[in-house]
PDB file of all heavy atoms in Angstrom:
ATOM      1  N   ALA A   1       0.863  -1.196   0.006  1.00  0.00           N
ATOM      2  CA  ALA A   1       0.014  -0.031  -0.024  1.00  0.00           C
ATOM      3  C   ALA A   1       0.826   1.196  -0.098  1.00  0.00           C
ATOM      4  O   ALA A   1       0.316   2.341  -0.221  1.00  0.00           O
ATOM      5  CB  ALA A   1      -0.889  -0.012   1.288  1.00  0.00           C
ATOM      6  N   TRP A   2       2.203   1.118   0.169  1.00  0.00           N
ATOM      7  CA  TRP A   2       3.111   2.228   0.026  1.00  0.00           C
ATOM      8  C   TRP A   2       4.033   2.035  -1.147  1.00  0.00           C
ATOM      9  O   TRP A   2       3.946   2.771  -2.141  1.00  0.00           O
ATOM     10  CB  TRP A   2       3.941   2.476   1.358  1.00  0.00           C
ATOM     11  CG  TRP A   2       4.804   3.692   1.194  1.00  0.00           C
ATOM     12  CD1 TRP A   2       6.024   3.790   0.612  1.00  0.00           C
ATOM     13  CD2 TRP A   2       4.473   4.986   1.663  1.00  0.00           C
ATOM     14  NE1 TRP A   2       6.415   5.084   0.662  1.00  0.00           N
ATOM     15  CE2 TRP A   2       5.575   5.860   1.280  1.00  0.00           C
ATOM     16  CE3 TRP A   2       3.291   5.504   2.341  1.00  0.00           C
ATOM     17  CZ2 TRP A   2       5.540   7.221   1.615  1.00  0.00           C
ATOM     18  CZ3 TRP A   2       3.354   6.879   2.596  1.00  0.00           C
ATOM     19  CH2 TRP A   2       4.450   7.734   2.248  1.00  0.00           C
ATOM     20  N   SER A   3       4.779   1.068  -1.116  1.00  0.00           N
ATOM     21  CA  SER A   3       5.788   0.808  -2.256  1.00  0.00           C
ATOM     22  C   SER A   3       5.152   0.602  -3.508  1.00  0.00           C
ATOM     23  O   SER A   3       5.782   0.894  -4.641  1.00  0.00           O
ATOM     24  CB  SER A   3       6.759  -0.308  -1.764  1.00  0.00           C
ATOM     25  OG  SER A   3       6.062  -1.534  -1.559  1.00  0.00           O
ATOM     26  N   GLY A   4       3.962  -0.022  -3.620  1.00  0.00           N
ATOM     27  CA  GLY A   4       3.361  -0.135  -4.897  1.00  0.00           C
ATOM     28  C   GLY A   4       2.501   1.034  -5.246  1.00  0.00           C
ATOM     29  O   GLY A   4       2.422   1.438  -6.464  1.00  0.00           O
ATOM     30  N   ALA A   5       1.898   1.631  -4.214  1.00  0.00           N
ATOM     31  CA  ALA A   5       0.965   2.829  -4.502  1.00  0.00           C
ATOM     32  C   ALA A   5       1.796   4.082  -4.788  1.00  0.00           C
ATOM     33  O   ALA A   5       1.217   4.957  -5.393  1.00  0.00           O
ATOM     34  CB  ALA A   5       0.169   3.091  -3.261  1.00  0.00           C
ATOM     35  N   MET A   6       3.159   4.126  -4.486  1.00  0.00           N
ATOM     36  CA  MET A   6       3.759   5.501  -4.596  1.00  0.00           C
ATOM     37  C   MET A   6       3.921   5.824  -6.070  1.00  0.00           C
ATOM     38  O   MET A   6       4.348   7.016  -6.212  1.00  0.00           O
ATOM     39  CB  MET A   6       5.114   5.382  -3.882  1.00  0.00           C
ATOM     40  CG  MET A   6       6.189   4.425  -4.406  1.00  0.00           C
ATOM     41  SD  MET A   6       7.639   4.518  -3.430  1.00  0.00           S
ATOM     42  CE  MET A   6       8.664   3.469  -4.345  1.00  0.00           C
ATOM     43  N   PHE A   7       3.700   4.988  -6.994  1.00  0.00           N
ATOM     44  CA  PHE A   7       3.744   5.412  -8.427  1.00  0.00           C
ATOM     45  C   PHE A   7       2.450   6.049  -8.931  1.00  0.00           C
ATOM     46  O   PHE A   7       2.600   7.026  -9.742  1.00  0.00           O
ATOM     47  CB  PHE A   7       4.132   4.184  -9.335  1.00  0.00           C
ATOM     48  CG  PHE A   7       5.459   3.563  -8.967  1.00  0.00           C
ATOM     49  CD1 PHE A   7       5.536   2.584  -8.071  1.00  0.00           C
ATOM     50  CD2 PHE A   7       6.572   4.067  -9.597  1.00  0.00           C
ATOM     51  CE1 PHE A   7       6.780   1.911  -7.863  1.00  0.00           C
ATOM     52  CE2 PHE A   7       7.853   3.509  -9.361  1.00  0.00           C
ATOM     53  CZ  PHE A   7       7.940   2.385  -8.424  1.00  0.00           C
ATOM     54  N   THR A   8       1.340   5.577  -8.500  1.00  0.00           N
ATOM     55  CA  THR A   8       0.048   6.091  -9.077  1.00  0.00           C
ATOM     56  C   THR A   8      -0.773   6.865  -8.176  1.00  0.00           C
ATOM     57  O   THR A   8      -1.718   7.403  -8.626  1.00  0.00           O
ATOM     58  CB  THR A   8      -0.721   4.799  -9.630  1.00  0.00           C
ATOM     59  OG1 THR A   8      -0.949   3.896  -8.501  1.00  0.00           O
ATOM     60  CG2 THR A   8       0.049   4.078 -10.657  1.00  0.00           C
ATOM     61  N   HIS A   9      -0.549   6.805  -6.958  1.00  0.00           N
ATOM     62  CA  HIS A   9      -1.327   7.516  -5.857  1.00  0.00           C
ATOM     63  C   HIS A   9      -0.685   8.882  -5.740  1.00  0.00           C
ATOM     64  O   HIS A   9      -0.111   9.289  -4.794  1.00  0.00           O
ATOM     65  CB  HIS A   9      -1.424   6.800  -4.572  1.00  0.00           C
ATOM     66  CG  HIS A   9      -2.243   5.527  -4.569  1.00  0.00           C
ATOM     67  ND1 HIS A   9      -1.935   4.619  -5.596  1.00  0.00           N
ATOM     68  CD2 HIS A   9      -3.200   5.104  -3.878  1.00  0.00           C
ATOM     69  CE1 HIS A   9      -2.864   3.598  -5.390  1.00  0.00           C
ATOM     70  NE2 HIS A   9      -3.607   3.888  -4.355  1.00  0.00           N
ATOM     71  N   THR A  10      -0.935   9.741  -6.818  1.00  0.00           N
ATOM     72  CA  THR A  10      -0.093  10.965  -6.945  1.00  0.00           C
ATOM     73  C   THR A  10      -0.661  12.060  -6.076  1.00  0.00           C
ATOM     74  O   THR A  10      -0.037  13.142  -6.047  1.00  0.00           O
ATOM     75  CB  THR A  10      -0.117  11.454  -8.409  1.00  0.00           C
ATOM     76  OG1 THR A  10      -1.514  11.614  -8.857  1.00  0.00           O
ATOM     77  CG2 THR A  10       0.521  10.461  -9.274  1.00  0.00           C
ATOM     78  N   LYS A  11      -1.651  11.904  -5.386  1.00  0.00           N
ATOM     79  CA  LYS A  11      -2.133  12.856  -4.295  1.00  0.00           C
ATOM     80  C   LYS A  11      -1.853  12.334  -2.920  1.00  0.00           C
ATOM     81  O   LYS A  11      -1.415  12.969  -2.027  1.00  0.00           O
ATOM     82  CB  LYS A  11      -3.581  13.136  -4.507  1.00  0.00           C
ATOM     83  CG  LYS A  11      -4.128  14.193  -3.563  1.00  0.00           C
ATOM     84  CD  LYS A  11      -3.767  15.527  -4.005  1.00  0.00           C
ATOM     85  CE  LYS A  11      -4.474  15.988  -5.312  1.00  0.00           C
ATOM     86  NZ  LYS A  11      -4.209  17.350  -5.789  1.00  0.00           N
ATOM     87  N   ASP A  12      -2.211  11.022  -2.701  1.00  0.00           N
ATOM     88  CA  ASP A  12      -2.063  10.359  -1.403  1.00  0.00           C
ATOM     89  C   ASP A  12      -0.693  10.217  -0.941  1.00  0.00           C
ATOM     90  O   ASP A  12      -0.352  10.496   0.248  1.00  0.00           O
ATOM     91  CB  ASP A  12      -2.849   9.075  -1.486  1.00  0.00           C
ATOM     92  CG  ASP A  12      -4.173   9.070  -2.141  1.00  0.00           C
ATOM     93  OD1 ASP A  12      -5.100   9.582  -1.575  1.00  0.00           O
ATOM     94  OD2 ASP A  12      -4.308   8.664  -3.346  1.00  0.00           O
ATOM     95  N   VAL A  13       0.218   9.617  -1.754  1.00  0.00           N
ATOM     96  CA  VAL A  13       1.547   9.445  -1.273  1.00  0.00           C
ATOM     97  C   VAL A  13       2.337  10.732  -0.995  1.00  0.00           C
ATOM     98  O   VAL A  13       3.021  10.858  -0.021  1.00  0.00           O
ATOM     99  CB  VAL A  13       2.249   8.458  -2.215  1.00  0.00           C
ATOM    100  CG1 VAL A  13       3.761   8.368  -1.852  1.00  0.00           C
ATOM    101  CG2 VAL A  13       1.713   7.048  -2.079  1.00  0.00           C
ATOM    102  N   PRO A  14       2.288  11.672  -1.990  1.00  0.00           N
ATOM    103  CA  PRO A  14       2.990  12.936  -1.724  1.00  0.00           C
ATOM    104  C   PRO A  14       2.418  13.624  -0.431  1.00  0.00           C
ATOM    105  O   PRO A  14       3.254  14.144   0.383  1.00  0.00           O
ATOM    106  CB  PRO A  14       2.667  13.818  -2.966  1.00  0.00           C
ATOM    107  CG  PRO A  14       2.591  12.854  -4.061  1.00  0.00           C
ATOM    108  CD  PRO A  14       1.862  11.675  -3.405  1.00  0.00           C
ATOM    109  N   PHE A  15       1.105  13.504  -0.154  1.00  0.00           N
ATOM    110  CA  PHE A  15       0.548  14.078   1.010  1.00  0.00           C
ATOM    111  C   PHE A  15       1.149  13.320   2.283  1.00  0.00           C
ATOM    112  O   PHE A  15       1.482  14.019   3.270  1.00  0.00           O
ATOM    113  CB  PHE A  15      -0.906  14.099   1.040  1.00  0.00           C
ATOM    114  CG  PHE A  15      -1.646  14.571   2.258  1.00  0.00           C
ATOM    115  CD1 PHE A  15      -1.585  15.923   2.589  1.00  0.00           C
ATOM    116  CD2 PHE A  15      -2.187  13.691   3.155  1.00  0.00           C
ATOM    117  CE1 PHE A  15      -2.198  16.332   3.812  1.00  0.00           C
ATOM    118  CE2 PHE A  15      -2.785  14.122   4.283  1.00  0.00           C
ATOM    119  CZ  PHE A  15      -2.828  15.453   4.641  1.00  0.00           C
ATOM    120  N   ALA A  16       1.104  12.090   2.174  1.00  0.00           N
ATOM    121  CA  ALA A  16       1.692  11.299   3.405  1.00  0.00           C
ATOM    122  C   ALA A  16       3.061  11.617   3.571  1.00  0.00           C
ATOM    123  O   ALA A  16       3.634  11.655   4.713  1.00  0.00           O
ATOM    124  CB  ALA A  16       1.485   9.753   2.982  1.00  0.00           C
ATOM    125  N   ALA A  17       3.945  11.843   2.489  1.00  0.00           N
ATOM    126  CA  ALA A  17       5.348  12.169   2.659  1.00  0.00           C
ATOM    127  C   ALA A  17       5.468  13.479   3.335  1.00  0.00           C
ATOM    128  O   ALA A  17       6.306  13.581   4.355  1.00  0.00           O
ATOM    129  CB  ALA A  17       5.948  12.132   1.252  1.00  0.00           C
ATOM    130  N   THR A  18       4.764  14.460   2.968  1.00  0.00           N
ATOM    131  CA  THR A  18       4.889  15.799   3.609  1.00  0.00           C
ATOM    132  C   THR A  18       4.383  15.747   5.115  1.00  0.00           C
ATOM    133  O   THR A  18       4.946  16.347   6.031  1.00  0.00           O
ATOM    134  CB  THR A  18       4.008  16.839   2.954  1.00  0.00           C
ATOM    135  OG1 THR A  18       2.722  16.451   2.805  1.00  0.00           O
ATOM    136  CG2 THR A  18       4.606  17.111   1.422  1.00  0.00           C
ATOM    137  N   MET A  19       3.415  14.924   5.401  1.00  0.00           N
ATOM    138  CA  MET A  19       2.922  14.736   6.705  1.00  0.00           C
ATOM    139  C   MET A  19       3.923  14.052   7.641  1.00  0.00           C
ATOM    140  O   MET A  19       4.081  14.455   8.746  1.00  0.00           O
ATOM    141  CB  MET A  19       1.623  13.958   6.735  1.00  0.00           C
ATOM    142  CG  MET A  19       0.437  14.635   6.171  1.00  0.00           C
ATOM    143  SD  MET A  19      -0.221  16.024   7.203  1.00  0.00           S
ATOM    144  CE  MET A  19      -1.046  15.162   8.454  1.00  0.00           C
ATOM    145  N   VAL A  20       4.664  13.168   7.091  1.00  0.00           N
ATOM    146  CA  VAL A  20       5.683  12.448   8.030  1.00  0.00           C
ATOM    147  C   VAL A  20       6.741  13.339   8.256  1.00  0.00           C
ATOM    148  O   VAL A  20       7.457  13.427   9.386  1.00  0.00           O
ATOM    149  CB  VAL A  20       6.148  11.065   7.472  1.00  0.00           C
ATOM    150  CG1 VAL A  20       7.017  11.222   6.297  1.00  0.00           C
ATOM    151  CG2 VAL A  20       6.833  10.285   8.588  1.00  0.00           C
ATOM    152  N   TRP A  21       7.123  14.278   7.348  1.00  0.00           N
ATOM    153  CA  TRP A  21       8.183  15.184   7.559  1.00  0.00           C
ATOM    154  C   TRP A  21       7.736  16.248   8.577  1.00  0.00           C
ATOM    155  O   TRP A  21       8.550  16.760   9.424  1.00  0.00           O
ATOM    156  CB  TRP A  21       8.680  15.829   6.278  1.00  0.00           C
ATOM    157  CG  TRP A  21       9.641  14.993   5.587  1.00  0.00           C
ATOM    158  CD1 TRP A  21       9.411  14.047   4.516  1.00  0.00           C
ATOM    159  CD2 TRP A  21      11.051  14.942   5.758  1.00  0.00           C
ATOM    160  NE1 TRP A  21      10.560  13.430   4.117  1.00  0.00           N
ATOM    161  CE2 TRP A  21      11.625  13.880   4.956  1.00  0.00           C
ATOM    162  CE3 TRP A  21      11.926  15.556   6.687  1.00  0.00           C
ATOM    163  CZ2 TRP A  21      12.936  13.665   4.889  1.00  0.00           C
ATOM    164  CZ3 TRP A  21      13.242  15.181   6.640  1.00  0.00           C
ATOM    165  CH2 TRP A  21      13.804  14.324   5.765  1.00  0.00           C
ATOM    166  N   ALA A  22       6.498  16.639   8.510  1.00  0.00           N
ATOM    167  CA  ALA A  22       5.893  17.598   9.431  1.00  0.00           C
ATOM    168  C   ALA A  22       6.003  16.953  10.916  1.00  0.00           C
ATOM    169  O   ALA A  22       6.277  17.587  11.859  1.00  0.00           O
ATOM    170  CB  ALA A  22       4.471  17.928   9.041  1.00  0.00           C
ATOM    171  N   LEU A  23       5.621  15.705  10.898  1.00  0.00           N
ATOM    172  CA  LEU A  23       5.732  14.894  12.213  1.00  0.00           C
ATOM    173  C   LEU A  23       7.142  14.889  12.695  1.00  0.00           C
ATOM    174  O   LEU A  23       7.323  15.025  13.900  1.00  0.00           O
ATOM    175  CB  LEU A  23       5.163  13.519  11.998  1.00  0.00           C
ATOM    176  CG  LEU A  23       4.831  12.645  13.151  1.00  0.00           C
ATOM    177  CD1 LEU A  23       3.752  13.343  14.072  1.00  0.00           C
ATOM    178  CD2 LEU A  23       4.308  11.291  12.658  1.00  0.00           C
ATOM    179  N   TYR A  24       8.127  14.623  11.861  1.00  0.00           N
ATOM    180  CA  TYR A  24       9.509  14.658  12.267  1.00  0.00           C
ATOM    181  C   TYR A  24       9.945  15.920  12.848  1.00  0.00           C
ATOM    182  O   TYR A  24      10.597  15.968  13.944  1.00  0.00           O
ATOM    183  CB  TYR A  24      10.407  14.309  11.084  1.00  0.00           C
ATOM    184  CG  TYR A  24      11.895  14.355  11.234  1.00  0.00           C
ATOM    185  CD1 TYR A  24      12.539  13.475  12.048  1.00  0.00           C
ATOM    186  CD2 TYR A  24      12.643  15.357  10.613  1.00  0.00           C
ATOM    187  CE1 TYR A  24      13.902  13.586  12.274  1.00  0.00           C
ATOM    188  CE2 TYR A  24      13.977  15.500  10.790  1.00  0.00           C
ATOM    189  CZ  TYR A  24      14.590  14.603  11.578  1.00  0.00           C
ATOM    190  OH  TYR A  24      15.919  14.704  11.788  1.00  0.00           O
ATOM    191  N   PHE A  25       9.589  17.102  12.205  1.00  0.00           N
ATOM    192  CA  PHE A  25      10.081  18.304  12.725  1.00  0.00           C
ATOM    193  C   PHE A  25       9.237  18.737  14.005  1.00  0.00           C
ATOM    194  O   PHE A  25       9.748  19.413  14.844  1.00  0.00           O
ATOM    195  CB  PHE A  25       9.985  19.417  11.666  1.00  0.00           C
ATOM    196  CG  PHE A  25      11.168  19.212  10.693  1.00  0.00           C
ATOM    197  CD1 PHE A  25      10.813  18.818   9.384  1.00  0.00           C
ATOM    198  CD2 PHE A  25      12.435  19.545  11.078  1.00  0.00           C
ATOM    199  CE1 PHE A  25      11.905  18.758   8.473  1.00  0.00           C
ATOM    200  CE2 PHE A  25      13.463  19.341  10.162  1.00  0.00           C
ATOM    201  CZ  PHE A  25      13.232  18.988   8.871  1.00  0.00           C
ATOM    202  N   THR A  26       8.001  18.259  14.056  1.00  0.00           N
ATOM    203  CA  THR A  26       7.154  18.502  15.238  1.00  0.00           C
ATOM    204  C   THR A  26       7.861  17.894  16.489  1.00  0.00           C
ATOM    205  O   THR A  26       7.981  18.423  17.530  1.00  0.00           O
ATOM    206  CB  THR A  26       5.746  17.989  15.115  1.00  0.00           C
ATOM    207  OG1 THR A  26       5.117  18.836  14.028  1.00  0.00           O
ATOM    208  CG2 THR A  26       4.977  18.081  16.343  1.00  0.00           C
TER     209      THR A  26
END
């Protein structure tokens, strides 16, 4: 659901990526 989806889920995976970086800096 991540490594396969990251090619075609062009809204969901980029959003998830930015969210985990926000979590890291939080």
